């Protein structure tokens, strides 16, 4: 069985692993979250996090 890493309490990521949009490290993003955050940063949009394990958006 695979353990799931919770991204709720995120330690400060290394500078080269920091997401420009959300508090989660880029290495913890899945493909969709990485694309979402990359597009959000490139378009200078102001929108929430889409990370699958974001405690504010999942139950």
Protein backbone atom coordinates (compact mmCIF):
# COMPACT_ATOMS: atom_id res chain seq x y z
CA UNK A 1 0.00 0.00 0.00
CA UNK A 2 1.27 3.46 -0.84
CA UNK A 3 1.29 6.16 1.81
CA UNK A 4 -0.20 9.50 0.88
CA UNK A 5 1.70 12.64 1.81
CA UNK A 6 -0.52 15.34 3.22
CA UNK A 7 0.19 18.79 1.85
CA UNK A 8 -1.86 20.51 4.54
CA UNK A 9 1.05 21.48 6.79
CA UNK A 10 3.74 22.46 4.33
CA UNK A 11 7.28 23.15 5.46
CA UNK A 12 9.06 25.99 3.69
CA UNK A 13 10.17 24.46 0.36
CA UNK A 14 13.67 24.90 -0.99
CA UNK A 15 14.04 28.00 -3.17
CA UNK A 16 14.41 25.89 -6.33
CA UNK A 17 11.28 23.85 -5.44
CA UNK A 18 9.01 26.76 -4.50
CA UNK A 19 5.76 27.17 -6.42
CA UNK A 20 5.20 30.79 -7.49
CA UNK A 21 1.44 30.46 -6.92
CA UNK A 22 0.62 28.23 -3.97
CA UNK A 23 2.36 27.22 -0.72
CA UNK A 24 3.12 23.67 -1.87
CA UNK A 25 6.53 22.65 -3.27
CA UNK A 26 6.54 22.01 -7.02
CA UNK A 27 7.80 18.48 -6.40
CA UNK A 28 4.52 17.71 -4.59
CA UNK A 29 2.34 18.85 -7.53
CA UNK A 30 0.68 16.34 -9.79
CA UNK A 31 0.53 17.02 -13.53
CA UNK A 32 -2.70 19.01 -13.39
CA UNK A 33 -1.62 21.12 -10.41
CA UNK A 34 1.73 21.90 -12.05
CA UNK A 35 0.00 23.04 -15.27
CA UNK A 36 -2.58 25.06 -13.32
CA UNK A 37 0.05 26.85 -11.22
CA UNK A 38 2.32 27.45 -14.22
CA UNK A 39 -0.56 28.96 -16.22
CA UNK A 40 -1.69 31.01 -13.21
CA UNK A 41 1.80 32.50 -12.81
CA UNK A 42 2.26 33.11 -16.54
CA UNK A 43 -1.12 34.83 -16.88
CA UNK A 44 -0.71 36.83 -13.66
CA UNK A 45 -4.06 35.46 -12.50
CA UNK A 46 -5.25 35.58 -8.92
CA UNK A 47 -6.95 32.27 -8.20
CA UNK A 48 -6.85 29.58 -5.55
CA UNK A 49 -4.79 26.45 -5.28
CA UNK A 50 -5.81 23.34 -7.20
CA UNK A 51 -3.55 20.83 -5.44
CA UNK A 52 -5.46 17.59 -4.89
CA UNK A 53 -4.74 17.41 -1.18
CA UNK A 54 -5.29 21.06 -0.37
CA UNK A 55 -7.24 20.92 2.92
CA UNK A 56 -9.24 24.06 2.11
CA UNK A 57 -10.76 22.51 -1.02
CA UNK A 58 -11.10 18.80 -0.16
CA UNK A 59 -12.90 16.90 2.52
